[in-house]
Every structure is written in C-alpha cells, then in structure tokens.
C-alpha cells in the first residue's frame, strides 16, 4: 500500500487557498483564525454557561468504538446537551457517544450552527481565505464569485471513536477545536479497493491485523494520513474517502460548500452533503436495469455481454484519465 503525508500550510491567502483546492488533494491549515471557539470551547463549563440545561440533541450511542453505518451497531438517542457532554467526555464510560448536529431534533434540516446553536455560533469566525458569501439569499450564480456555505456541522465524540469510511459530494473543511484526531483519506480512484456499499466502505477497522486477509484488494489503495492537532483544519476534497478516529475527547466543526458548476445536479433532498449527484443516480439505475436484462441470459452469454459493458466503461474511463 502506498502511504502519503498530508501537506501543512500556514498564513494562506485567498489565492493560495484557491490554488490548493484546484489541485484536488487534501491539505492541513495551521494557525488559522476561526474566532473565539478555539479558546472558549476548551472547557465544558463554558457550554453550561451558554446553553440551556434542557437543550435536546440527537446522538449516536454504541458499545463499540468503531461506528459501522452498514450494520448499524449504534442507536440514536435524544439526550440533554449538558448530559451528553458529561457522558461523552468521561473516559471511564464503557459506551461511546457521537453528536453530528442536524436540524432541530425532531425535524430533518440542514445543519446550521447559527440556527441550532445560536448561543455559541458567534464564537466562530470564517478566515478570509474561505471567501464565504455573507448574503444568505444569494442565488449562487455566475455573478457571485464567493463560496456559498451549505452547512455548518458541530461534531463531538468520545475518545477512540472512529467514524466509518465514506465520501461526500461537496468539498468541506474540518476544523479540529478540541483533542487530537487521526485522519485517513483515500483518493476517488481507490473506489475499487475499498469494498463499497453505496458511499460507505465495508472496511470498518483500518488497523485490524487480518485486514488484508479479509479485504485483499485494499493493498492497492493509496492512503493519506495525518494527525489533526487542536486548532488545525483539514480540507477534504469532494469524492475523497475519509475515516476519522478521535484520539482524545473531540470537538470539531465541518463547513460544506457547493460547487457552483454543479448547482442543478445536487439532490435537493440532501441534508448531509453525501447523496450522489442526480445524473450519477440515474446512471446507477440504468446499470441495475442492464444487469437485470443480462441476468436472464445463459451463463456463457451473460459473461460475454458483461465483459462488453465493462470494456465500454473502461474505454470511457481511459479517455478522461
């Protein structure tokens, strides 16, 4: 397996940030000014002072530190936010807790820190290099050159908790506010080696001793790995697979934004930023239909026409590589 380090940058200008984004590689930004959250959120007492005692949040709870979305080895539970913080930060607890903020606890909405956590949202500042549009009603067309924020996601997790390997269709920044976090990424062309079901990998434990015995194709993957320190942020390109492990009690923020060239192709029902583009979804449907037709043929003919379809797809792939 090929291993690559993730480059680290400081003092980014807008021009430098844009040029790095265009390279379609992950990179870490250090010492960027994201506001008072980097100081205020280091103590749970601050949240208790700011946030009411009966604020409900929907959280994942598991007996395993390896959250598996495919097998659903966790439950969702609504807890008081203060109670959740105490349980999540208690290292003696034998259960693992994870908050990925969404809309109001009983309504599925896009995560927006200003709406779901207005008490602490003012602590967050966006560095100039992100170039987010301040007009919430901006149509995000060719006349506006700024990035348009899709969602701002609060993430809080127990020590040692790992989030399943997956990809998102939108680019995003992950800001690590409290605790160290291990980050592992794989480029989009590693898809054949990651044993995918939809946008998620069947490989749950990336540190398992028998990993290559169970998943031999994984040896062909190209791994990008790094440790995020408190205050670091990571740019995650769209369609890059990523897996995170909280080495300590962890608080972070994600900022997702849409590609203006793809505005009409995003799924309008996508609240998480991980639903496939509409054209891709249509293509998958047609592939399933093709397989249904070919599966009606005798084995000899089925193999032949499947090989012909694969050959066409490979030629198309080679033409754009």
C-alpha atoms as a PDB file:
ATOM      1  CA  UNK A   1       0.000   0.000   0.000  1.00  0.00           C
ATOM      2  CA  UNK A   2       1.227   3.472  -0.897  1.00  0.00           C
ATOM      3  CA  UNK A   3       1.347   5.942   2.018  1.00  0.00           C
ATOM      4  CA  UNK A   4       1.332   9.728   1.548  1.00  0.00           C
ATOM      5  CA  UNK A   5       1.612  12.509   4.092  1.00  0.00           C
ATOM      6  CA  UNK A   6      -0.792  15.413   4.008  1.00  0.00           C
ATOM      7  CA  UNK A   7       0.896  18.770   3.483  1.00  0.00           C
ATOM      8  CA  UNK A   8       0.571  21.516   6.104  1.00  0.00           C
ATOM      9  CA  UNK A   9       0.248  25.239   5.321  1.00  0.00           C
ATOM     10  CA  UNK A  10       0.061  28.477   7.294  1.00  0.00           C
ATOM     11  CA  UNK A  11      -0.823  32.101   6.522  1.00  0.00           C
ATOM     12  CA  UNK A  12      -2.943  31.240   3.488  1.00  0.00           C
ATOM     13  CA  UNK A  13      -4.222  33.953   1.191  1.00  0.00           C
ATOM     14  CA  UNK A  14      -7.399  33.518  -0.806  1.00  0.00           C
ATOM     15  CA  UNK A  15      -5.366  32.999  -3.970  1.00  0.00           C
ATOM     16  CA  UNK A  16      -3.178  30.328  -2.361  1.00  0.00           C
ATOM     17  CA  UNK A  17      -6.163  28.531  -0.860  1.00  0.00           C
ATOM     18  CA  UNK A  18      -7.962  28.517  -4.225  1.00  0.00           C
ATOM     19  CA  UNK A  19      -4.889  27.139  -5.992  1.00  0.00           C
ATOM     20  CA  UNK A  20      -4.566  24.343  -3.425  1.00  0.00           C
ATOM     21  CA  UNK A  21      -8.254  23.457  -3.745  1.00  0.00           C
ATOM     22  CA  UNK A  22      -7.842  23.182  -7.510  1.00  0.00           C
ATOM     23  CA  UNK A  23      -5.163  20.517  -7.016  1.00  0.00           C
ATOM     24  CA  UNK A  24      -7.865  18.214  -5.610  1.00  0.00           C
ATOM     25  CA  UNK A  25      -5.672  16.967  -2.765  1.00  0.00           C
ATOM     26  CA  UNK A  26      -6.297  17.136   0.987  1.00  0.00           C
ATOM     27  CA  UNK A  27      -4.211  19.612   2.967  1.00  0.00           C
ATOM     28  CA  UNK A  28      -3.985  20.899   6.533  1.00  0.00           C
ATOM     29  CA  UNK A  29      -4.131  24.557   7.531  1.00  0.00           C
ATOM     30  CA  UNK A  30      -2.480  25.543  10.799  1.00  0.00           C
ATOM     31  CA  UNK A  31      -2.946  28.655  12.974  1.00  0.00           C
ATOM     32  CA  UNK A  32      -5.915  29.995  11.000  1.00  0.00           C
ATOM     33  CA  UNK A  33      -8.196  32.451  12.811  1.00  0.00           C
ATOM     34  CA  UNK A  34     -11.563  30.762  13.338  1.00  0.00           C
ATOM     35  CA  UNK A  35     -12.524  33.023  16.206  1.00  0.00           C
ATOM     36  CA  UNK A  36     -13.102  32.575  19.916  1.00  0.00           C
ATOM     37  CA  UNK A  37     -14.319  28.960  19.592  1.00  0.00           C
ATOM     38  CA  UNK A  38     -10.661  27.861  19.707  1.00  0.00           C
ATOM     39  CA  UNK A  39     -10.402  29.347  23.211  1.00  0.00           C
ATOM     40  CA  UNK A  40     -13.906  29.267  24.663  1.00  0.00           C
ATOM     41  CA  UNK A  41     -14.846  25.703  23.741  1.00  0.00           C
ATOM     42  CA  UNK A  42     -11.940  24.082  25.547  1.00  0.00           C
ATOM     43  CA  UNK A  43     -13.966  23.866  28.747  1.00  0.00           C
ATOM     44  CA  UNK A  44     -17.364  22.199  29.124  1.00  0.00           C
ATOM     45  CA  UNK A  45     -18.207  24.806  31.791  1.00  0.00           C
ATOM     46  CA  UNK A  46     -18.445  27.378  29.027  1.00  0.00           C
ATOM     47  CA  UNK A  47     -21.179  25.379  27.284  1.00  0.00           C
ATOM     48  CA  UNK A  48     -23.051  25.028  30.567  1.00  0.00           C
ATOM     49  CA  UNK A  49     -22.985  28.806  30.973  1.00  0.00           C
ATOM     50  CA  UNK A  50     -24.137  29.475  27.402  1.00  0.00           C
ATOM     51  CA  UNK A  51     -26.539  26.650  26.585  1.00  0.00           C
ATOM     52  CA  UNK A  52     -29.768  25.982  28.461  1.00  0.00           C
ATOM     53  CA  UNK A  53     -29.992  22.880  30.634  1.00  0.00           C
ATOM     54  CA  UNK A  54     -32.846  21.338  28.659  1.00  0.00           C
ATOM     55  CA  UNK A  55     -31.479  21.634  25.118  1.00  0.00           C
ATOM     56  CA  UNK A  56     -32.084  18.256  23.384  1.00  0.00           C
ATOM     57  CA  UNK A  57     -29.632  16.726  20.876  1.00  0.00           C
ATOM     58  CA  UNK A  58     -29.850  13.509  18.867  1.00  0.00           C
ATOM     59  CA  UNK A  59     -26.697  11.415  19.325  1.00  0.00           C
ATOM     60  CA  UNK A  60     -25.205   8.060  18.313  1.00  0.00           C
ATOM     61  CA  UNK A  61     -24.538   5.664  21.203  1.00  0.00           C
ATOM     62  CA  UNK A  62     -22.538   2.458  20.724  1.00  0.00           C
ATOM     63  CA  UNK A  63     -20.787  -0.255  22.700  1.00  0.00           C
ATOM     64  CA  UNK A  64     -18.072  -0.284  20.058  1.00  0.00           C
ATOM     65  CA  UNK A  65     -15.584   2.495  19.259  1.00  0.00           C
ATOM     66  CA  UNK A  66     -15.868   1.539  15.566  1.00  0.00           C
ATOM     67  CA  UNK A  67     -19.143   3.011  14.340  1.00  0.00           C
ATOM     68  CA  UNK A  68     -20.499   0.937  11.463  1.00  0.00           C
ATOM     69  CA  UNK A  69     -23.255   2.565   9.436  1.00  0.00           C
ATOM     70  CA  UNK A  70     -23.834  -0.600   7.372  1.00  0.00           C
ATOM     71  CA  UNK A  71     -24.541  -2.903  10.326  1.00  0.00           C
ATOM     72  CA  UNK A  72     -25.960  -0.058  12.465  1.00  0.00           C
ATOM     73  CA  UNK A  73     -24.016  -1.046  15.592  1.00  0.00           C
ATOM     74  CA  UNK A  74     -25.350   2.035  17.365  1.00  0.00           C
ATOM     75  CA  UNK A  75     -28.620   3.536  18.462  1.00  0.00           C
ATOM     76  CA  UNK A  76     -29.911   7.074  18.149  1.00  0.00           C
ATOM     77  CA  UNK A  77     -30.983   8.693  21.369  1.00  0.00           C
ATOM     78  CA  UNK A  78     -32.116  12.177  22.340  1.00  0.00           C
ATOM     79  CA  UNK A  79     -30.158  13.491  25.323  1.00  0.00           C
ATOM     80  CA  UNK A  80     -29.895  16.765  27.142  1.00  0.00           C
ATOM     81  CA  UNK A  81     -26.876  18.561  25.679  1.00  0.00           C
ATOM     82  CA  UNK A  82     -25.191  19.010  29.048  1.00  0.00           C
ATOM     83  CA  UNK A  83     -25.758  15.346  29.950  1.00  0.00           C
ATOM     84  CA  UNK A  84     -24.336  14.338  26.584  1.00  0.00           C
ATOM     85  CA  UNK A  85     -21.172  16.406  27.160  1.00  0.00           C
ATOM     86  CA  UNK A  86     -20.608  14.755  30.542  1.00  0.00           C
ATOM     87  CA  UNK A  87     -21.093  11.241  29.171  1.00  0.00           C
ATOM     88  CA  UNK A  88     -19.043  11.878  26.054  1.00  0.00           C
ATOM     89  CA  UNK A  89     -16.061  13.417  27.858  1.00  0.00           C
ATOM     90  CA  UNK A  90     -15.985  10.773  30.627  1.00  0.00           C
ATOM     91  CA  UNK A  91     -13.175   8.383  29.617  1.00  0.00           C
ATOM     92  CA  UNK A  92     -14.269   5.829  32.227  1.00  0.00           C
ATOM     93  CA  UNK A  93     -17.566   5.357  30.382  1.00  0.00           C
ATOM     94  CA  UNK A  94     -17.817   1.976  28.624  1.00  0.00           C
ATOM     95  CA  UNK A  95     -20.080   3.358  25.901  1.00  0.00           C
ATOM     96  CA  UNK A  96     -19.189   5.681  23.041  1.00  0.00           C
ATOM     97  CA  UNK A  97     -21.062   8.847  22.125  1.00  0.00           C
ATOM     98  CA  UNK A  98     -21.139  10.904  18.952  1.00  0.00           C
ATOM     99  CA  UNK A  99     -23.009  14.066  18.017  1.00  0.00           C
ATOM    100  CA  UNK A 100     -23.302  15.054  14.371  1.00  0.00           C
ATOM    101  CA  UNK A 101     -25.577  18.065  14.502  1.00  0.00           C
ATOM    102  CA  UNK A 102     -28.535  18.201  12.137  1.00  0.00           C
ATOM    103  CA  UNK A 103     -31.637  20.346  12.235  1.00  0.00           C
ATOM    104  CA  UNK A 104     -33.945  20.551  15.219  1.00  0.00           C
ATOM    105  CA  UNK A 105     -34.050  17.193  16.975  1.00  0.00           C
ATOM    106  CA  UNK A 106     -37.455  16.292  15.570  1.00  0.00           C
ATOM    107  CA  UNK A 107     -37.101  17.915  12.144  1.00  0.00           C
ATOM    108  CA  UNK A 108     -34.629  16.905   9.438  1.00  0.00           C
ATOM    109  CA  UNK A 109     -32.937  20.075   8.328  1.00  0.00           C
ATOM    110  CA  UNK A 110     -29.542  21.072   7.033  1.00  0.00           C
ATOM    111  CA  UNK A 111     -27.106  21.606   9.904  1.00  0.00           C
ATOM    112  CA  UNK A 112     -26.628  25.300  10.583  1.00  0.00           C
ATOM    113  CA  UNK A 113     -24.714  26.327  13.687  1.00  0.00           C
ATOM    114  CA  UNK A 114     -26.438  29.728  13.745  1.00  0.00           C
ATOM    115  CA  UNK A 115     -29.858  28.083  13.941  1.00  0.00           C
ATOM    116  CA  UNK A 116     -29.214  25.006  16.078  1.00  0.00           C
ATOM    117  CA  UNK A 117     -26.620  26.520  18.452  1.00  0.00           C
ATOM    118  CA  UNK A 118     -27.105  30.307  18.313  1.00  0.00           C
ATOM    119  CA  UNK A 119     -25.735  30.610  21.875  1.00  0.00           C
ATOM    120  CA  UNK A 120     -22.207  29.711  20.710  1.00  0.00           C
ATOM    121  CA  UNK A 121     -22.353  30.433  16.972  1.00  0.00           C
ATOM    122  CA  UNK A 122     -20.942  33.932  17.466  1.00  0.00           C
ATOM    123  CA  UNK A 123     -17.695  32.313  18.659  1.00  0.00           C
ATOM    124  CA  UNK A 124     -16.965  31.107  15.113  1.00  0.00           C
ATOM    125  CA  UNK A 125     -15.275  33.336  12.567  1.00  0.00           C
ATOM    126  CA  UNK A 126     -14.531  32.413   8.956  1.00  0.00           C
ATOM    127  CA  UNK A 127     -10.986  33.193   7.747  1.00  0.00           C
ATOM    128  CA  UNK A 128     -10.850  35.395   4.680  1.00  0.00           C
ATOM    129  CA  UNK A 129      -9.308  32.648   2.542  1.00  0.00           C
ATOM    130  CA  UNK A 130     -12.566  30.654   2.718  1.00  0.00           C
ATOM    131  CA  UNK A 131     -14.303  33.534   0.927  1.00  0.00           C
ATOM    132  CA  UNK A 132     -17.807  32.612   2.074  1.00  0.00           C
ATOM    133  CA  UNK A 133     -20.626  34.782   0.748  1.00  0.00           C
ATOM    134  CA  UNK A 134     -22.310  36.752   3.534  1.00  0.00           C
ATOM    135  CA  UNK A 135     -25.585  37.102   1.645  1.00  0.00           C
ATOM    136  CA  UNK A 136     -27.818  34.249   2.823  1.00  0.00           C
ATOM    137  CA  UNK A 137     -30.199  34.879  -0.076  1.00  0.00           C
ATOM    138  CA  UNK A 138     -27.533  34.999  -2.774  1.00  0.00           C
ATOM    139  CA  UNK A 139     -28.601  32.895  -5.814  1.00  0.00           C
ATOM    140  CA  UNK A 140     -25.024  31.487  -6.083  1.00  0.00           C
ATOM    141  CA  UNK A 141     -24.821  32.094  -9.814  1.00  0.00           C
ATOM    142  CA  UNK A 142     -22.008  33.221 -12.101  1.00  0.00           C
ATOM    143  CA  UNK A 143     -22.344  36.794 -10.885  1.00  0.00           C
ATOM    144  CA  UNK A 144     -21.087  35.857  -7.403  1.00  0.00           C
ATOM    145  CA  UNK A 145     -17.510  34.622  -7.163  1.00  0.00           C
ATOM    146  CA  UNK A 146     -17.691  33.676  -3.489  1.00  0.00           C
ATOM    147  CA  UNK A 147     -18.208  30.254  -1.938  1.00  0.00           C
ATOM    148  CA  UNK A 148     -21.699  29.516  -0.673  1.00  0.00           C
ATOM    149  CA  UNK A 149     -21.881  27.715   2.642  1.00  0.00           C
ATOM    150  CA  UNK A 150     -24.156  24.674   2.518  1.00  0.00           C
ATOM    151  CA  UNK A 151     -23.915  23.547   6.126  1.00  0.00           C
ATOM    152  CA  UNK A 152     -22.010  24.107   9.359  1.00  0.00           C
ATOM    153  CA  UNK A 153     -21.857  20.886  11.373  1.00  0.00           C
ATOM    154  CA  UNK A 154     -20.933  20.547  15.043  1.00  0.00           C
ATOM    155  CA  UNK A 155     -19.207  17.229  15.815  1.00  0.00           C
ATOM    156  CA  UNK A 156     -18.480  15.961  19.333  1.00  0.00           C
ATOM    157  CA  UNK A 157     -17.197  12.461  20.025  1.00  0.00           C
ATOM    158  CA  UNK A 158     -15.828  10.209  22.736  1.00  0.00           C
ATOM    159  CA  UNK A 159     -12.158   9.300  22.886  1.00  0.00           C
ATOM    160  CA  UNK A 160     -11.180   6.467  20.476  1.00  0.00           C
ATOM    161  CA  UNK A 161     -14.399   6.728  18.482  1.00  0.00           C
ATOM    162  CA  UNK A 162     -13.988   6.089  14.735  1.00  0.00           C
ATOM    163  CA  UNK A 163     -16.368   7.199  12.002  1.00  0.00           C
ATOM    164  CA  UNK A 164     -16.912   4.854   9.052  1.00  0.00           C
ATOM    165  CA  UNK A 165     -15.056   5.405   5.780  1.00  0.00           C
ATOM    166  CA  UNK A 166     -17.238   7.337   3.330  1.00  0.00           C
ATOM    167  CA  UNK A 167     -17.199  10.126   0.751  1.00  0.00           C
ATOM    168  CA  UNK A 168     -19.122  13.387   0.395  1.00  0.00           C
ATOM    169  CA  UNK A 169     -20.183  15.041  -2.852  1.00  0.00           C
ATOM    170  CA  UNK A 170     -19.314  18.501  -1.525  1.00  0.00           C
ATOM    171  CA  UNK A 171     -15.947  19.936  -0.589  1.00  0.00           C
ATOM    172  CA  UNK A 172     -15.525  20.784   3.055  1.00  0.00           C
ATOM    173  CA  UNK A 173     -13.233  21.987   5.821  1.00  0.00           C
ATOM    174  CA  UNK A 174     -12.942  20.045   9.076  1.00  0.00           C
ATOM    175  CA  UNK A 175     -11.847  22.287  11.955  1.00  0.00           C
ATOM    176  CA  UNK A 176     -10.471  20.427  14.978  1.00  0.00           C
ATOM    177  CA  UNK A 177     -11.198  22.540  18.071  1.00  0.00           C
ATOM    178  CA  UNK A 178     -10.514  20.173  20.977  1.00  0.00           C
ATOM    179  CA  UNK A 179      -8.489  16.970  21.013  1.00  0.00           C
ATOM    180  CA  UNK A 180      -6.245  15.213  18.529  1.00  0.00           C
ATOM    181  CA  UNK A 181      -7.837  13.334  15.651  1.00  0.00           C
ATOM    182  CA  UNK A 182      -6.346  10.761  13.291  1.00  0.00           C
ATOM    183  CA  UNK A 183      -7.362  11.314   9.683  1.00  0.00           C
ATOM    184  CA  UNK A 184      -7.074   8.748   6.885  1.00  0.00           C
ATOM    185  CA  UNK A 185      -8.126   9.568   3.317  1.00  0.00           C
ATOM    186  CA  UNK A 186      -8.181   7.709   0.009  1.00  0.00           C
ATOM    187  CA  UNK A 187      -8.475   9.297  -3.459  1.00  0.00           C
ATOM    188  CA  UNK A 188     -11.597   8.729  -5.585  1.00  0.00           C
ATOM    189  CA  UNK A 189      -9.878   6.248  -7.925  1.00  0.00           C
ATOM    190  CA  UNK A 190      -9.364   3.906  -4.960  1.00  0.00           C
ATOM    191  CA  UNK A 191     -13.073   3.045  -5.068  1.00  0.00           C
ATOM    192  CA  UNK A 192     -12.433  -0.483  -6.490  1.00  0.00           C
ATOM    193  CA  UNK A 193     -10.248  -1.331  -3.477  1.00  0.00           C
ATOM    194  CA  UNK A 194     -12.479  -0.130  -0.646  1.00  0.00           C
ATOM    195  CA  UNK A 195     -15.304  -2.715  -0.812  1.00  0.00           C
ATOM    196  CA  UNK A 196     -18.042  -0.144  -1.084  1.00  0.00           C
ATOM    197  CA  UNK A 197     -21.741  -0.361  -0.448  1.00  0.00           C
ATOM    198  CA  UNK A 198     -23.076   2.929  -1.707  1.00  0.00           C
ATOM    199  CA  UNK A 199     -20.923   5.747  -0.338  1.00  0.00           C
ATOM    200  CA  UNK A 200     -19.625   3.683   2.613  1.00  0.00           C
ATOM    201  CA  UNK A 201     -16.885   1.068   2.924  1.00  0.00           C
ATOM    202  CA  UNK A 202     -17.298  -2.408   4.409  1.00  0.00           C
ATOM    203  CA  UNK A 203     -13.818  -1.998   5.919  1.00  0.00           C
ATOM    204  CA  UNK A 204     -14.573  -0.781   9.419  1.00  0.00           C
ATOM    205  CA  UNK A 205     -11.322  -1.387  11.290  1.00  0.00           C
ATOM    206  CA  UNK A 206      -8.441   0.083   9.279  1.00  0.00           C
ATOM    207  CA  UNK A 207      -6.000  -1.133  11.950  1.00  0.00           C
ATOM    208  CA  UNK A 208      -7.149  -4.778  12.046  1.00  0.00           C
ATOM    209  CA  UNK A 209      -4.337  -7.355  11.905  1.00  0.00           C
ATOM    210  CA  UNK A 210      -6.251  -9.546   9.443  1.00  0.00           C
ATOM    211  CA  UNK A 211      -7.307  -6.588   7.281  1.00  0.00           C
ATOM    212  CA  UNK A 212      -5.660  -7.783   4.059  1.00  0.00           C
ATOM    213  CA  UNK A 213      -6.848 -11.365   4.582  1.00  0.00           C
ATOM    214  CA  UNK A 214     -10.441 -10.187   4.621  1.00  0.00           C
ATOM    215  CA  UNK A 215     -10.013  -7.416   2.041  1.00  0.00           C
ATOM    216  CA  UNK A 216      -7.056  -8.297  -0.236  1.00  0.00           C
ATOM    217  CA  UNK A 217      -7.786  -5.548  -2.795  1.00  0.00           C
ATOM    218  CA  UNK A 218      -7.221  -2.975  -0.063  1.00  0.00           C
ATOM    219  CA  UNK A 219      -3.461  -3.487  -0.521  1.00  0.00           C
ATOM    220  CA  UNK A 220      -3.780  -1.491  -3.785  1.00  0.00           C
ATOM    221  CA  UNK A 221      -5.176   1.593  -2.036  1.00  0.00           C
ATOM    222  CA  UNK A 222      -3.269   4.864  -1.637  1.00  0.00           C
ATOM    223  CA  UNK A 223      -3.509   6.147   1.909  1.00  0.00           C
ATOM    224  CA  UNK A 224      -3.146   9.780   3.002  1.00  0.00           C
ATOM    225  CA  UNK A 225      -2.739  10.018   6.755  1.00  0.00           C
ATOM    226  CA  UNK A 226      -2.136  12.680   9.378  1.00  0.00           C
ATOM    227  CA  UNK A 227      -2.945  13.767  12.922  1.00  0.00           C
ATOM    228  CA  UNK A 228      -5.022  16.894  13.387  1.00  0.00           C
ATOM    229  CA  UNK A 229      -3.987  18.890  16.453  1.00  0.00           C
ATOM    230  CA  UNK A 230      -6.316  21.271  18.254  1.00  0.00           C
ATOM    231  CA  UNK A 231      -6.709  24.350  16.057  1.00  0.00           C
ATOM    232  CA  UNK A 232      -5.814  22.560  12.813  1.00  0.00           C
ATOM    233  CA  UNK A 233      -8.251  22.346   9.923  1.00  0.00           C
ATOM    234  CA  UNK A 234      -8.297  19.900   7.037  1.00  0.00           C
ATOM    235  CA  UNK A 235      -9.529  20.493   3.505  1.00  0.00           C
ATOM    236  CA  UNK A 236     -11.360  17.370   2.287  1.00  0.00           C
ATOM    237  CA  UNK A 237     -11.953  17.372  -1.483  1.00  0.00           C
ATOM    238  CA  UNK A 238     -15.281  16.118  -2.788  1.00  0.00           C
ATOM    239  CA  UNK A 239     -15.425  12.382  -3.570  1.00  0.00           C
ATOM    240  CA  UNK A 240     -12.395  11.615  -1.387  1.00  0.00           C
ATOM    241  CA  UNK A 241     -12.971   8.746   1.028  1.00  0.00           C
ATOM    242  CA  UNK A 242     -12.152   9.588   4.635  1.00  0.00           C
ATOM    243  CA  UNK A 243     -12.099   7.960   8.035  1.00  0.00           C
ATOM    244  CA  UNK A 244     -11.586   9.732  11.363  1.00  0.00           C
ATOM    245  CA  UNK A 245     -10.568   8.491  14.805  1.00  0.00           C
ATOM    246  CA  UNK A 246     -10.742  10.731  17.871  1.00  0.00           C
ATOM    247  CA  UNK A 247      -7.540  10.098  19.811  1.00  0.00           C
ATOM    248  CA  UNK A 248      -8.983  12.214  22.631  1.00  0.00           C
ATOM    249  CA  UNK A 249     -12.360  13.678  23.565  1.00  0.00           C
ATOM    250  CA  UNK A 250     -13.070  15.670  20.423  1.00  0.00           C
ATOM    251  CA  UNK A 251     -14.977  18.772  19.370  1.00  0.00           C
ATOM    252  CA  UNK A 252     -14.898  19.931  15.767  1.00  0.00           C
ATOM    253  CA  UNK A 253     -16.781  21.773  13.060  1.00  0.00           C
ATOM    254  CA  UNK A 254     -17.372  20.951   9.410  1.00  0.00           C
ATOM    255  CA  UNK A 255     -18.111  23.581   6.771  1.00  0.00           C
ATOM    256  CA  UNK A 256     -19.527  22.240   3.496  1.00  0.00           C
ATOM    257  CA  UNK A 257     -19.997  24.242   0.301  1.00  0.00           C
ATOM    258  CA  UNK A 258     -21.442  23.520  -3.125  1.00  0.00           C
ATOM    259  CA  UNK A 259     -19.593  23.623  -6.422  1.00  0.00           C
ATOM    260  CA  UNK A 260     -21.302  26.392  -8.471  1.00  0.00           C
ATOM    261  CA  UNK A 261     -20.876  24.330 -11.662  1.00  0.00           C
ATOM    262  CA  UNK A 262     -22.986  21.550 -10.136  1.00  0.00           C
ATOM    263  CA  UNK A 263     -25.814  23.552  -8.570  1.00  0.00           C
ATOM    264  CA  UNK A 264     -28.507  21.962 -10.743  1.00  0.00           C
ATOM    265  CA  UNK A 265     -27.115  18.443 -10.243  1.00  0.00           C
ATOM    266  CA  UNK A 266     -27.253  18.187  -6.452  1.00  0.00           C
ATOM    267  CA  UNK A 267     -30.078  16.222  -4.868  1.00  0.00           C
ATOM    268  CA  UNK A 268     -32.363  18.851  -3.345  1.00  0.00           C
ATOM    269  CA  UNK A 269     -33.329  16.409  -0.574  1.00  0.00           C
ATOM    270  CA  UNK A 270     -29.730  16.001   0.542  1.00  0.00           C
ATOM    271  CA  UNK A 271     -29.290  17.433   4.040  1.00  0.00           C
ATOM    272  CA  UNK A 272     -25.911  15.819   4.750  1.00  0.00           C
ATOM    273  CA  UNK A 273     -23.952  16.586   1.576  1.00  0.00           C
ATOM    274  CA  UNK A 274     -23.406  12.913   0.731  1.00  0.00           C
ATOM    275  CA  UNK A 275     -26.172  11.981  -1.699  1.00  0.00           C
ATOM    276  CA  UNK A 276     -24.851  11.195  -5.171  1.00  0.00           C
ATOM    277  CA  UNK A 277     -25.386  13.749  -7.922  1.00  0.00           C
ATOM    278  CA  UNK A 278     -28.681  13.253  -9.754  1.00  0.00           C
ATOM    279  CA  UNK A 279     -27.021  12.285 -13.042  1.00  0.00           C
ATOM    280  CA  UNK A 280     -24.953   9.648 -11.237  1.00  0.00           C
ATOM    281  CA  UNK A 281     -28.035   8.272  -9.500  1.00  0.00           C
ATOM    282  CA  UNK A 282     -29.764   7.964 -12.876  1.00  0.00           C
ATOM    283  CA  UNK A 283     -26.712   6.178 -14.273  1.00  0.00           C
ATOM    284  CA  UNK A 284     -26.756   3.686 -11.379  1.00  0.00           C
ATOM    285  CA  UNK A 285     -30.434   2.968 -12.064  1.00  0.00           C
ATOM    286  CA  UNK A 286     -29.633   2.240 -15.710  1.00  0.00           C
ATOM    287  CA  UNK A 287     -26.780  -0.064 -14.711  1.00  0.00           C
ATOM    288  CA  UNK A 288     -29.147  -2.001 -12.455  1.00  0.00           C
ATOM    289  CA  UNK A 289     -31.618  -2.294 -15.319  1.00  0.00           C
ATOM    290  CA  UNK A 290     -28.862  -3.532 -17.635  1.00  0.00           C
ATOM    291  CA  UNK A 291     -27.878  -6.190 -15.095  1.00  0.00           C
ATOM    292  CA  UNK A 292     -31.489  -7.300 -14.757  1.00  0.00           C
ATOM    293  CA  UNK A 293     -31.635  -7.842 -18.520  1.00  0.00           C
ATOM    294  CA  UNK A 294     -28.303  -9.645 -18.765  1.00  0.00           C
ATOM    295  CA  UNK A 295     -29.041 -11.902 -15.790  1.00  0.00           C
ATOM    296  CA  UNK A 296     -31.828 -13.501 -17.853  1.00  0.00           C
ATOM    297  CA  UNK A 297     -29.271 -14.907 -20.305  1.00  0.00           C
ATOM    298  CA  UNK A 298     -27.397 -18.243 -20.037  1.00  0.00           C
ATOM    299  CA  UNK A 299     -24.048 -18.004 -18.237  1.00  0.00           C
ATOM    300  CA  UNK A 300     -21.913 -18.004 -21.413  1.00  0.00           C
ATOM    301  CA  UNK A 301     -23.812 -15.092 -22.939  1.00  0.00           C
ATOM    302  CA  UNK A 302     -24.152 -13.221 -19.659  1.00  0.00           C
ATOM    303  CA  UNK A 303     -20.382 -13.281 -19.161  1.00  0.00           C
ATOM    304  CA  UNK A 304     -19.773 -12.143 -22.724  1.00  0.00           C
ATOM    305  CA  UNK A 305     -22.094  -9.138 -22.608  1.00  0.00           C
ATOM    306  CA  UNK A 306     -20.957  -8.153 -19.127  1.00  0.00           C
ATOM    307  CA  UNK A 307     -17.391  -8.129 -20.456  1.00  0.00           C
ATOM    308  CA  UNK A 308     -18.519  -5.952 -23.371  1.00  0.00           C
ATOM    309  CA  UNK A 309     -20.160  -3.475 -20.973  1.00  0.00           C
ATOM    310  CA  UNK A 310     -17.032  -3.376 -18.807  1.00  0.00           C
ATOM    311  CA  UNK A 311     -14.912  -2.802 -21.904  1.00  0.00           C
ATOM    312  CA  UNK A 312     -17.061   0.199 -22.887  1.00  0.00           C
ATOM    313  CA  UNK A 313     -16.828   1.659 -19.407  1.00  0.00           C
ATOM    314  CA  UNK A 314     -13.063   1.152 -19.311  1.00  0.00           C
ATOM    315  CA  UNK A 315     -12.629   2.910 -22.653  1.00  0.00           C
ATOM    316  CA  UNK A 316     -14.681   5.827 -21.381  1.00  0.00           C
ATOM    317  CA  UNK A 317     -12.631   5.946 -18.173  1.00  0.00           C
ATOM    318  CA  UNK A 318      -9.334   5.868 -20.081  1.00  0.00           C
ATOM    319  CA  UNK A 319     -10.464   8.703 -22.321  1.00  0.00           C
ATOM    320  CA  UNK A 320     -10.687  11.085 -19.338  1.00  0.00           C
ATOM    321  CA  UNK A 321      -7.653   9.933 -17.355  1.00  0.00           C
END
